[in-house]
């Protein structure tokens, strides 16, 4: 159900977490090719 309701789906390792404020986080994931389930227009570097 979550896969069908979402626009992207990945699995990856958390590289860093930047807490900007209470309840606001910027997360960087390291994803390999097998971890890209659904991309659509997801920006990857």
ModelCIF file with pLDDT and N, C-alpha, C, O atoms, coordinates in Angstrom:
data_MODEL
#
_entry.id   MODEL 
#
_entity.id                         1 
_entity.type                       polymer 
_entity.pdbx_number_of_molecules   1 
#
_entity_poly.entity_id                      1 
_entity_poly.type                           'polypeptide(L)' 
_entity_poly.nstd_linkage                   no 
_entity_poly.nstd_monomer                   no 
_entity_poly.pdbx_seq_one_letter_code       
;(UNK)(UNK)(UNK)(UNK)(UNK)(UNK)(UNK)(UNK)(UNK)(UNK)(UNK)(UNK)(UNK)(UNK)(UNK)(UNK)
(UNK)(UNK)(UNK)(UNK)(UNK)(UNK)(UNK)(UNK)(UNK)(UNK)(UNK)(UNK)(UNK)(UNK)(UNK)(UNK)
(UNK)(UNK)(UNK)(UNK)(UNK)(UNK)(UNK)(UNK)(UNK)(UNK)(UNK)(UNK)(UNK)
;
_entity_poly.pdbx_seq_one_letter_code_can   XXXXXXXXXXXXXXXXXXXXXXXXXXXXXXXXXXXXXXXXXXXXX 
_entity_poly.pdbx_strand_id                 A 
#
loop_
_entity_poly_seq.entity_id 
_entity_poly_seq.num 
_entity_poly_seq.mon_id 
_entity_poly_seq.hetero 
1 1  UNK n 
1 2  UNK n 
1 3  UNK n 
1 4  UNK n 
1 5  UNK n 
1 6  UNK n 
1 7  UNK n 
1 8  UNK n 
1 9  UNK n 
1 10 UNK n 
1 11 UNK n 
1 12 UNK n 
1 13 UNK n 
1 14 UNK n 
1 15 UNK n 
1 16 UNK n 
1 17 UNK n 
1 18 UNK n 
1 19 UNK n 
1 20 UNK n 
1 21 UNK n 
1 22 UNK n 
1 23 UNK n 
1 24 UNK n 
1 25 UNK n 
1 26 UNK n 
1 27 UNK n 
1 28 UNK n 
1 29 UNK n 
1 30 UNK n 
1 31 UNK n 
1 32 UNK n 
1 33 UNK n 
1 34 UNK n 
1 35 UNK n 
1 36 UNK n 
1 37 UNK n 
1 38 UNK n 
1 39 UNK n 
1 40 UNK n 
1 41 UNK n 
1 42 UNK n 
1 43 UNK n 
1 44 UNK n 
1 45 UNK n 
#
_struct_asym.id          A 
_struct_asym.entity_id   1 
#
loop_
_ma_qa_metric.id 
_ma_qa_metric.mode 
_ma_qa_metric.name 
_ma_qa_metric.software_group_id 
_ma_qa_metric.type 
1 global pLDDT . pLDDT 
2 local  pLDDT . pLDDT 
#
_ma_qa_metric_global.metric_id      1 
_ma_qa_metric_global.metric_value   93.40 
_ma_qa_metric_global.model_id       1 
_ma_qa_metric_global.ordinal_id     1 
#
loop_
_ma_qa_metric_local.label_asym_id 
_ma_qa_metric_local.label_comp_id 
_ma_qa_metric_local.label_seq_id 
_ma_qa_metric_local.metric_id 
_ma_qa_metric_local.metric_value 
_ma_qa_metric_local.model_id 
_ma_qa_metric_local.ordinal_id 
A UNK 1  2 91.00 1 1  
A UNK 2  2 92.00 1 2  
A UNK 3  2 94.00 1 3  
A UNK 4  2 93.00 1 4  
A UNK 5  2 92.00 1 5  
A UNK 6  2 94.00 1 6  
A UNK 7  2 94.00 1 7  
A UNK 8  2 96.00 1 8  
A UNK 9  2 96.00 1 9  
A UNK 10 2 96.00 1 10 
A UNK 11 2 96.00 1 11 
A UNK 12 2 96.00 1 12 
A UNK 13 2 96.00 1 13 
A UNK 14 2 97.00 1 14 
A UNK 15 2 95.00 1 15 
A UNK 16 2 94.00 1 16 
A UNK 17 2 94.00 1 17 
A UNK 18 2 93.00 1 18 
A UNK 19 2 91.00 1 19 
A UNK 20 2 90.00 1 20 
A UNK 21 2 88.00 1 21 
A UNK 22 2 86.00 1 22 
A UNK 23 2 86.00 1 23 
A UNK 24 2 91.00 1 24 
A UNK 25 2 92.00 1 25 
A UNK 26 2 94.00 1 26 
A UNK 27 2 96.00 1 27 
A UNK 28 2 96.00 1 28 
A UNK 29 2 96.00 1 29 
A UNK 30 2 96.00 1 30 
A UNK 31 2 96.00 1 31 
A UNK 32 2 94.00 1 32 
A UNK 33 2 93.00 1 33 
A UNK 34 2 92.00 1 34 
A UNK 35 2 94.00 1 35 
A UNK 36 2 95.00 1 36 
A UNK 37 2 95.00 1 37 
A UNK 38 2 94.00 1 38 
A UNK 39 2 92.00 1 39 
A UNK 40 2 91.00 1 40 
A UNK 41 2 91.00 1 41 
A UNK 42 2 94.00 1 42 
A UNK 43 2 94.00 1 43 
A UNK 44 2 94.00 1 44 
A UNK 45 2 93.00 1 45 
#
loop_
_atom_site.group_PDB 
_atom_site.id 
_atom_site.type_symbol 
_atom_site.label_atom_id 
_atom_site.label_alt_id 
_atom_site.label_comp_id 
_atom_site.label_asym_id 
_atom_site.label_entity_id 
_atom_site.label_seq_id 
_atom_site.pdbx_PDB_ins_code 
_atom_site.Cartn_x 
_atom_site.Cartn_y 
_atom_site.Cartn_z 
_atom_site.occupancy 
_atom_site.B_iso_or_equiv 
_atom_site.pdbx_formal_charge 
_atom_site.auth_seq_id 
_atom_site.auth_comp_id 
_atom_site.auth_asym_id 
_atom_site.auth_atom_id 
_atom_site.pdbx_PDB_model_num 
ATOM 1   N N  . UNK A 1 1  ? 0.834  -1.200 0.000   1.00 91.00 ? 1  UNK A N  1 
ATOM 2   C CA . UNK A 1 1  ? 0.000  0.000  0.000   1.00 91.00 ? 1  UNK A CA 1 
ATOM 3   C C  . UNK A 1 1  ? 0.872  1.254  0.000   1.00 91.00 ? 1  UNK A C  1 
ATOM 4   O O  . UNK A 1 1  ? 0.583  2.210  -0.721  1.00 91.00 ? 1  UNK A O  1 
ATOM 5   N N  . UNK A 1 2  ? 1.926  1.257  0.797   1.00 92.00 ? 2  UNK A N  1 
ATOM 6   C CA . UNK A 1 2  ? 2.814  2.426  0.829   1.00 92.00 ? 2  UNK A CA 1 
ATOM 7   C C  . UNK A 1 2  ? 3.528  2.610  -0.500  1.00 92.00 ? 2  UNK A C  1 
ATOM 8   O O  . UNK A 1 2  ? 3.740  3.743  -0.933  1.00 92.00 ? 2  UNK A O  1 
ATOM 9   N N  . UNK A 1 3  ? 3.901  1.519  -1.154  1.00 94.00 ? 3  UNK A N  1 
ATOM 10  C CA . UNK A 1 3  ? 4.576  1.627  -2.442  1.00 94.00 ? 3  UNK A CA 1 
ATOM 11  C C  . UNK A 1 3  ? 3.658  2.276  -3.481  1.00 94.00 ? 3  UNK A C  1 
ATOM 12  O O  . UNK A 1 3  ? 4.093  3.143  -4.238  1.00 94.00 ? 3  UNK A O  1 
ATOM 13  N N  . UNK A 1 4  ? 2.403  1.863  -3.515  1.00 93.00 ? 4  UNK A N  1 
ATOM 14  C CA . UNK A 1 4  ? 1.476  2.422  -4.498  1.00 93.00 ? 4  UNK A CA 1 
ATOM 15  C C  . UNK A 1 4  ? 1.122  3.878  -4.181  1.00 93.00 ? 4  UNK A C  1 
ATOM 16  O O  . UNK A 1 4  ? 0.855  4.651  -5.101  1.00 93.00 ? 4  UNK A O  1 
ATOM 17  N N  . UNK A 1 5  ? 1.115  4.272  -2.897  1.00 92.00 ? 5  UNK A N  1 
ATOM 18  C CA . UNK A 1 5  ? 0.734  5.633  -2.534  1.00 92.00 ? 5  UNK A CA 1 
ATOM 19  C C  . UNK A 1 5  ? 1.903  6.607  -2.585  1.00 92.00 ? 5  UNK A C  1 
ATOM 20  O O  . UNK A 1 5  ? 1.687  7.809  -2.438  1.00 92.00 ? 5  UNK A O  1 
ATOM 21  N N  . UNK A 1 6  ? 3.129  6.142  -2.786  1.00 94.00 ? 6  UNK A N  1 
ATOM 22  C CA . UNK A 1 6  ? 4.309  7.015  -2.756  1.00 94.00 ? 6  UNK A CA 1 
ATOM 23  C C  . UNK A 1 6  ? 4.784  7.319  -4.163  1.00 94.00 ? 6  UNK A C  1 
ATOM 24  O O  . UNK A 1 6  ? 4.411  6.643  -5.121  1.00 94.00 ? 6  UNK A O  1 
ATOM 25  N N  . UNK A 1 7  ? 5.626  8.365  -4.275  1.00 94.00 ? 7  UNK A N  1 
ATOM 26  C CA . UNK A 1 7  ? 6.204  8.764  -5.565  1.00 94.00 ? 7  UNK A CA 1 
ATOM 27  C C  . UNK A 1 7  ? 7.624  8.241  -5.750  1.00 94.00 ? 7  UNK A C  1 
ATOM 28  O O  . UNK A 1 7  ? 8.117  8.178  -6.876  1.00 94.00 ? 7  UNK A O  1 
ATOM 29  N N  . UNK A 1 8  ? 8.275  7.870  -4.674  1.00 96.00 ? 8  UNK A N  1 
ATOM 30  C CA . UNK A 1 8  ? 9.592  7.237  -4.785  1.00 96.00 ? 8  UNK A CA 1 
ATOM 31  C C  . UNK A 1 8  ? 9.715  6.191  -3.682  1.00 96.00 ? 8  UNK A C  1 
ATOM 32  O O  . UNK A 1 8  ? 9.053  6.279  -2.648  1.00 96.00 ? 8  UNK A O  1 
ATOM 33  N N  . UNK A 1 9  ? 10.574 5.199  -3.920  1.00 96.00 ? 9  UNK A N  1 
ATOM 34  C CA . UNK A 1 9  ? 10.823 4.134  -2.944  1.00 96.00 ? 9  UNK A CA 1 
ATOM 35  C C  . UNK A 1 9  ? 12.267 3.685  -3.107  1.00 96.00 ? 9  UNK A C  1 
ATOM 36  O O  . UNK A 1 9  ? 12.674 3.261  -4.189  1.00 96.00 ? 9  UNK A O  1 
ATOM 37  N N  . UNK A 1 10 ? 13.041 3.779  -2.030  1.00 96.00 ? 10 UNK A N  1 
ATOM 38  C CA . UNK A 1 10 ? 14.459 3.395  -2.055  1.00 96.00 ? 10 UNK A CA 1 
ATOM 39  C C  . UNK A 1 10 ? 14.796 2.713  -0.735  1.00 96.00 ? 10 UNK A C  1 
ATOM 40  O O  . UNK A 1 10 ? 14.048 2.797  0.239   1.00 96.00 ? 10 UNK A O  1 
ATOM 41  N N  . UNK A 1 11 ? 15.942 2.036  -0.728  1.00 96.00 ? 11 UNK A N  1 
ATOM 42  C CA . UNK A 1 11 ? 16.541 1.581  0.530   1.00 96.00 ? 11 UNK A CA 1 
ATOM 43  C C  . UNK A 1 11 ? 18.006 1.955  0.511   1.00 96.00 ? 11 UNK A C  1 
ATOM 44  O O  . UNK A 1 11 ? 18.702 1.710  -0.475  1.00 96.00 ? 11 UNK A O  1 
ATOM 45  N N  . UNK A 1 12 ? 18.478 2.545  1.587   1.00 96.00 ? 12 UNK A N  1 
ATOM 46  C CA . UNK A 1 12 ? 19.852 3.015  1.626   1.00 96.00 ? 12 UNK A CA 1 
ATOM 47  C C  . UNK A 1 12 ? 20.344 3.201  3.049   1.00 96.00 ? 12 UNK A C  1 
ATOM 48  O O  . UNK A 1 12 ? 19.595 3.061  4.016   1.00 96.00 ? 12 UNK A O  1 
ATOM 49  N N  . UNK A 1 13 ? 21.634 3.524  3.146   1.00 96.00 ? 13 UNK A N  1 
ATOM 50  C CA . UNK A 1 13 ? 22.314 3.722  4.423   1.00 96.00 ? 13 UNK A CA 1 
ATOM 51  C C  . UNK A 1 13 ? 22.341 5.214  4.738   1.00 96.00 ? 13 UNK A C  1 
ATOM 52  O O  . UNK A 1 13 ? 22.653 6.035  3.875   1.00 96.00 ? 13 UNK A O  1 
ATOM 53  N N  . UNK A 1 14 ? 22.017 5.552  5.964   1.00 97.00 ? 14 UNK A N  1 
ATOM 54  C CA . UNK A 1 14 ? 22.002 6.953  6.392   1.00 97.00 ? 14 UNK A CA 1 
ATOM 55  C C  . UNK A 1 14 ? 23.441 7.452  6.493   1.00 97.00 ? 14 UNK A C  1 
ATOM 56  O O  . UNK A 1 14 ? 24.235 6.942  7.282   1.00 97.00 ? 14 UNK A O  1 
ATOM 57  N N  . UNK A 1 15 ? 23.762 8.460  5.678   1.00 95.00 ? 15 UNK A N  1 
ATOM 58  C CA . UNK A 1 15 ? 25.107 9.036  5.695   1.00 95.00 ? 15 UNK A CA 1 
ATOM 59  C C  . UNK A 1 15 ? 25.230 10.114 6.759   1.00 95.00 ? 15 UNK A C  1 
ATOM 60  O O  . UNK A 1 15 ? 26.187 10.108 7.534   1.00 95.00 ? 15 UNK A O  1 
ATOM 61  N N  . UNK A 1 16 ? 24.289 11.029 6.809   1.00 94.00 ? 16 UNK A N  1 
ATOM 62  C CA . UNK A 1 16 ? 24.279 12.063 7.848   1.00 94.00 ? 16 UNK A CA 1 
ATOM 63  C C  . UNK A 1 16 ? 22.866 12.600 8.011   1.00 94.00 ? 16 UNK A C  1 
ATOM 64  O O  . UNK A 1 16 ? 22.024 12.488 7.120   1.00 94.00 ? 16 UNK A O  1 
ATOM 65  N N  . UNK A 1 17 ? 22.635 13.188 9.181   1.00 94.00 ? 17 UNK A N  1 
ATOM 66  C CA . UNK A 1 17 ? 21.343 13.780 9.534   1.00 94.00 ? 17 UNK A CA 1 
ATOM 67  C C  . UNK A 1 17 ? 21.612 15.191 10.030  1.00 94.00 ? 17 UNK A C  1 
ATOM 68  O O  . UNK A 1 17 ? 22.354 15.393 10.991  1.00 94.00 ? 17 UNK A O  1 
ATOM 69  N N  . UNK A 1 18 ? 20.997 16.170 9.361   1.00 93.00 ? 18 UNK A N  1 
ATOM 70  C CA . UNK A 1 18 ? 21.164 17.573 9.728   1.00 93.00 ? 18 UNK A CA 1 
ATOM 71  C C  . UNK A 1 18 ? 19.841 18.072 10.312  1.00 93.00 ? 18 UNK A C  1 
ATOM 72  O O  . UNK A 1 18 ? 18.855 18.229 9.592   1.00 93.00 ? 18 UNK A O  1 
ATOM 73  N N  . UNK A 1 19 ? 19.831 18.319 11.630  1.00 91.00 ? 19 UNK A N  1 
ATOM 74  C CA . UNK A 1 19 ? 18.625 18.788 12.308  1.00 91.00 ? 19 UNK A CA 1 
ATOM 75  C C  . UNK A 1 19 ? 18.603 20.309 12.195  1.00 91.00 ? 19 UNK A C  1 
ATOM 76  O O  . UNK A 1 19 ? 19.415 20.995 12.816  1.00 91.00 ? 19 UNK A O  1 
ATOM 77  N N  . UNK A 1 20 ? 17.675 20.830 11.405  1.00 90.00 ? 20 UNK A N  1 
ATOM 78  C CA . UNK A 1 20 ? 17.571 22.278 11.201  1.00 90.00 ? 20 UNK A CA 1 
ATOM 79  C C  . UNK A 1 20 ? 16.784 22.947 12.314  1.00 90.00 ? 20 UNK A C  1 
ATOM 80  O O  . UNK A 1 20 ? 17.113 24.060 12.725  1.00 90.00 ? 20 UNK A O  1 
ATOM 81  N N  . UNK A 1 21 ? 15.746 22.278 12.809  1.00 88.00 ? 21 UNK A N  1 
ATOM 82  C CA . UNK A 1 21 ? 14.919 22.810 13.877  1.00 88.00 ? 21 UNK A CA 1 
ATOM 83  C C  . UNK A 1 21 ? 14.119 21.658 14.456  1.00 88.00 ? 21 UNK A C  1 
ATOM 84  O O  . UNK A 1 21 ? 14.293 20.508 14.052  1.00 88.00 ? 21 UNK A O  1 
ATOM 85  N N  . UNK A 1 22 ? 13.244 21.966 15.402  1.00 86.00 ? 22 UNK A N  1 
ATOM 86  C CA . UNK A 1 22 ? 12.429 20.918 16.019  1.00 86.00 ? 22 UNK A CA 1 
ATOM 87  C C  . UNK A 1 22 ? 11.467 20.357 14.977  1.00 86.00 ? 22 UNK A C  1 
ATOM 88  O O  . UNK A 1 22 ? 10.616 21.075 14.452  1.00 86.00 ? 22 UNK A O  1 
ATOM 89  N N  . UNK A 1 23 ? 11.612 19.061 14.685  1.00 86.00 ? 23 UNK A N  1 
ATOM 90  C CA . UNK A 1 23 ? 10.743 18.392 13.719  1.00 86.00 ? 23 UNK A CA 1 
ATOM 91  C C  . UNK A 1 23 ? 11.141 18.599 12.277  1.00 86.00 ? 23 UNK A C  1 
ATOM 92  O O  . UNK A 1 23 ? 10.375 18.249 11.379  1.00 86.00 ? 23 UNK A O  1 
ATOM 93  N N  . UNK A 1 24 ? 12.328 19.164 12.019  1.00 91.00 ? 24 UNK A N  1 
ATOM 94  C CA . UNK A 1 24 ? 12.790 19.407 10.640  1.00 91.00 ? 24 UNK A CA 1 
ATOM 95  C C  . UNK A 1 24 ? 14.185 18.802 10.515  1.00 91.00 ? 24 UNK A C  1 
ATOM 96  O O  . UNK A 1 24 ? 15.115 19.235 11.196  1.00 91.00 ? 24 UNK A O  1 
ATOM 97  N N  . UNK A 1 25 ? 14.334 17.790 9.632   1.00 92.00 ? 25 UNK A N  1 
ATOM 98  C CA . UNK A 1 25 ? 15.615 17.109 9.430   1.00 92.00 ? 25 UNK A CA 1 
ATOM 99  C C  . UNK A 1 25 ? 15.907 16.993 7.941   1.00 92.00 ? 25 UNK A C  1 
ATOM 100 O O  . UNK A 1 25 ? 15.009 16.743 7.136   1.00 92.00 ? 25 UNK A O  1 
ATOM 101 N N  . UNK A 1 26 ? 17.161 17.177 7.590   1.00 94.00 ? 26 UNK A N  1 
ATOM 102 C CA . UNK A 1 26 ? 17.647 16.908 6.235   1.00 94.00 ? 26 UNK A CA 1 
ATOM 103 C C  . UNK A 1 26 ? 18.510 15.657 6.294   1.00 94.00 ? 26 UNK A C  1 
ATOM 104 O O  . UNK A 1 26 ? 19.547 15.644 6.957   1.00 94.00 ? 26 UNK A O  1 
ATOM 105 N N  . UNK A 1 27 ? 18.084 14.607 5.601   1.00 96.00 ? 27 UNK A N  1 
ATOM 106 C CA . UNK A 1 27 ? 18.737 13.298 5.668   1.00 96.00 ? 27 UNK A CA 1 
ATOM 107 C C  . UNK A 1 27 ? 19.379 13.011 4.324   1.00 96.00 ? 27 UNK A C  1 
ATOM 108 O O  . UNK A 1 27 ? 18.793 13.259 3.271   1.00 96.00 ? 27 UNK A O  1 
ATOM 109 N N  . UNK A 1 28 ? 20.605 12.480 4.378   1.00 96.00 ? 28 UNK A N  1 
ATOM 110 C CA . UNK A 1 28 ? 21.312 12.065 3.159   1.00 96.00 ? 28 UNK A CA 1 
ATOM 111 C C  . UNK A 1 28 ? 21.467 10.554 3.191   1.00 96.00 ? 28 UNK A C  1 
ATOM 112 O O  . UNK A 1 28 ? 22.041 9.999  4.128   1.00 96.00 ? 28 UNK A O  1 
ATOM 113 N N  . UNK A 1 29 ? 20.946 9.884  2.149   1.00 96.00 ? 29 UNK A N  1 
ATOM 114 C CA . UNK A 1 29 ? 21.029 8.429  2.017   1.00 96.00 ? 29 UNK A CA 1 
ATOM 115 C C  . UNK A 1 29 ? 22.013 8.058  0.925   1.00 96.00 ? 29 UNK A C  1 
ATOM 116 O O  . UNK A 1 29 ? 22.100 8.728  -0.104  1.00 96.00 ? 29 UNK A O  1 
ATOM 117 N N  . UNK A 1 30 ? 22.756 6.978  1.159   1.00 96.00 ? 30 UNK A N  1 
ATOM 118 C CA . UNK A 1 30 ? 23.609 6.370  0.136   1.00 96.00 ? 30 UNK A CA 1 
ATOM 119 C C  . UNK A 1 30 ? 22.902 5.124  -0.376  1.00 96.00 ? 30 UNK A C  1 
ATOM 120 O O  . UNK A 1 30 ? 22.715 4.155  0.360   1.00 96.00 ? 30 UNK A O  1 
ATOM 121 N N  . UNK A 1 31 ? 22.505 5.158  -1.674  1.00 96.00 ? 31 UNK A N  1 
ATOM 122 C CA . UNK A 1 31 ? 21.681 4.102  -2.270  1.00 96.00 ? 31 UNK A CA 1 
ATOM 123 C C  . UNK A 1 31 ? 22.462 3.466  -3.410  1.00 96.00 ? 31 UNK A C  1 
ATOM 124 O O  . UNK A 1 31 ? 23.057 4.159  -4.235  1.00 96.00 ? 31 UNK A O  1 
ATOM 125 N N  . UNK A 1 32 ? 22.449 2.118  -3.445  1.00 94.00 ? 32 UNK A N  1 
ATOM 126 C CA . UNK A 1 32 ? 23.056 1.433  -4.585  1.00 94.00 ? 32 UNK A CA 1 
ATOM 127 C C  . UNK A 1 32 ? 21.992 1.169  -5.657  1.00 94.00 ? 32 UNK A C  1 
ATOM 128 O O  . UNK A 1 32 ? 20.831 1.541  -5.487  1.00 94.00 ? 32 UNK A O  1 
ATOM 129 N N  . UNK A 1 33 ? 22.392 0.525  -6.764  1.00 93.00 ? 33 UNK A N  1 
ATOM 130 C CA . UNK A 1 33 ? 21.452 0.314  -7.878  1.00 93.00 ? 33 UNK A CA 1 
ATOM 131 C C  . UNK A 1 33 ? 20.299 -0.595 -7.474  1.00 93.00 ? 33 UNK A C  1 
ATOM 132 O O  . UNK A 1 33 ? 19.169 -0.403 -7.925  1.00 93.00 ? 33 UNK A O  1 
ATOM 133 N N  . UNK A 1 34 ? 20.576 -1.587 -6.626  1.00 92.00 ? 34 UNK A N  1 
ATOM 134 C CA . UNK A 1 34 ? 19.504 -2.505 -6.224  1.00 92.00 ? 34 UNK A CA 1 
ATOM 135 C C  . UNK A 1 34 ? 18.518 -1.856 -5.261  1.00 92.00 ? 34 UNK A C  1 
ATOM 136 O O  . UNK A 1 34 ? 17.425 -2.379 -5.045  1.00 92.00 ? 34 UNK A O  1 
ATOM 137 N N  . UNK A 1 35 ? 18.897 -0.721 -4.681  1.00 94.00 ? 35 UNK A N  1 
ATOM 138 C CA . UNK A 1 35 ? 18.016 -0.070 -3.726  1.00 94.00 ? 35 UNK A CA 1 
ATOM 139 C C  . UNK A 1 35 ? 17.068 0.943  -4.332  1.00 94.00 ? 35 UNK A C  1 
ATOM 140 O O  . UNK A 1 35 ? 16.283 1.551  -3.605  1.00 94.00 ? 35 UNK A O  1 
ATOM 141 N N  . UNK A 1 36 ? 17.114 1.142  -5.629  1.00 95.00 ? 36 UNK A N  1 
ATOM 142 C CA . UNK A 1 36 ? 16.217 2.087  -6.295  1.00 95.00 ? 36 UNK A CA 1 
ATOM 143 C C  . UNK A 1 36 ? 14.973 1.332  -6.760  1.00 95.00 ? 36 UNK A C  1 
ATOM 144 O O  . UNK A 1 36 ? 14.935 0.851  -7.893  1.00 95.00 ? 36 UNK A O  1 
ATOM 145 N N  . UNK A 1 37 ? 13.954 1.221  -5.902  1.00 95.00 ? 37 UNK A N  1 
ATOM 146 C CA . UNK A 1 37 ? 12.716 0.527  -6.272  1.00 95.00 ? 37 UNK A CA 1 
ATOM 147 C C  . UNK A 1 37 ? 11.894 1.372  -7.249  1.00 95.00 ? 37 UNK A C  1 
ATOM 148 O O  . UNK A 1 37 ? 11.484 0.886  -8.303  1.00 95.00 ? 37 UNK A O  1 
ATOM 149 N N  . UNK A 1 38 ? 11.657 2.625  -6.897  1.00 94.00 ? 38 UNK A N  1 
ATOM 150 C CA . UNK A 1 38 ? 10.848 3.533  -7.713  1.00 94.00 ? 38 UNK A CA 1 
ATOM 151 C C  . UNK A 1 38 ? 11.496 4.910  -7.645  1.00 94.00 ? 38 UNK A C  1 
ATOM 152 O O  . UNK A 1 38 ? 11.806 5.397  -6.558  1.00 94.00 ? 38 UNK A O  1 
ATOM 153 N N  . UNK A 1 39 ? 11.704 5.548  -8.817  1.00 92.00 ? 39 UNK A N  1 
ATOM 154 C CA . UNK A 1 39 ? 12.411 6.818  -8.846  1.00 92.00 ? 39 UNK A CA 1 
ATOM 155 C C  . UNK A 1 39 ? 11.514 7.973  -9.296  1.00 92.00 ? 39 UNK A C  1 
ATOM 156 O O  . UNK A 1 39 ? 11.490 9.023  -8.654  1.00 92.00 ? 39 UNK A O  1 
ATOM 157 N N  . UNK A 1 40 ? 10.769 7.785  -10.407 1.00 91.00 ? 40 UNK A N  1 
ATOM 158 C CA . UNK A 1 40 ? 10.029 8.892  -11.033 1.00 91.00 ? 40 UNK A CA 1 
ATOM 159 C C  . UNK A 1 40 ? 10.997 10.039 -11.310 1.00 91.00 ? 40 UNK A C  1 
ATOM 160 O O  . UNK A 1 40 ? 11.919 9.874  -12.109 1.00 91.00 ? 40 UNK A O  1 
ATOM 161 N N  . UNK A 1 41 ? 10.815 11.191 -10.677 1.00 91.00 ? 41 UNK A N  1 
ATOM 162 C CA . UNK A 1 41 ? 11.692 12.346 -10.902 1.00 91.00 ? 41 UNK A CA 1 
ATOM 163 C C  . UNK A 1 41 ? 12.574 12.620 -9.680  1.00 91.00 ? 41 UNK A C  1 
ATOM 164 O O  . UNK A 1 41 ? 12.912 13.771 -9.402  1.00 91.00 ? 41 UNK A O  1 
ATOM 165 N N  . UNK A 1 42 ? 12.938 11.586 -8.971  1.00 94.00 ? 42 UNK A N  1 
ATOM 166 C CA . UNK A 1 42 ? 13.804 11.743 -7.798  1.00 94.00 ? 42 UNK A CA 1 
ATOM 167 C C  . UNK A 1 42 ? 15.202 12.149 -8.239  1.00 94.00 ? 42 UNK A C  1 
ATOM 168 O O  . UNK A 1 42 ? 15.776 11.536 -9.139  1.00 94.00 ? 42 UNK A O  1 
ATOM 169 N N  . UNK A 1 43 ? 15.743 13.170 -7.612  1.00 94.00 ? 43 UNK A N  1 
ATOM 170 C CA . UNK A 1 43 ? 17.066 13.692 -7.965  1.00 94.00 ? 43 UNK A CA 1 
ATOM 171 C C  . UNK A 1 43 ? 18.118 12.892 -7.200  1.00 94.00 ? 43 UNK A C  1 
ATOM 172 O O  . UNK A 1 43 ? 18.092 12.831 -5.971  1.00 94.00 ? 43 UNK A O  1 
ATOM 173 N N  . UNK A 1 44 ? 19.050 12.275 -7.946  1.00 94.00 ? 44 UNK A N  1 
ATOM 174 C CA . UNK A 1 44 ? 20.129 11.490 -7.335  1.00 94.00 ? 44 UNK A CA 1 
ATOM 175 C C  . UNK A 1 44 ? 21.460 12.016 -7.853  1.00 94.00 ? 44 UNK A C  1 
ATOM 176 O O  . UNK A 1 44 ? 21.558 12.503 -8.980  1.00 94.00 ? 44 UNK A O  1 
ATOM 177 N N  . UNK A 1 45 ? 22.487 11.907 -7.005  1.00 93.00 ? 45 UNK A N  1 
ATOM 178 C CA . UNK A 1 45 ? 23.835 12.362 -7.349  1.00 93.00 ? 45 UNK A CA 1 
ATOM 179 C C  . UNK A 1 45 ? 24.788 11.189 -7.240  1.00 93.00 ? 45 UNK A C  1 
ATOM 180 O O  . UNK A 1 45 ? 25.984 11.341 -7.486  1.00 93.00 ? 45 UNK A O  1 
#
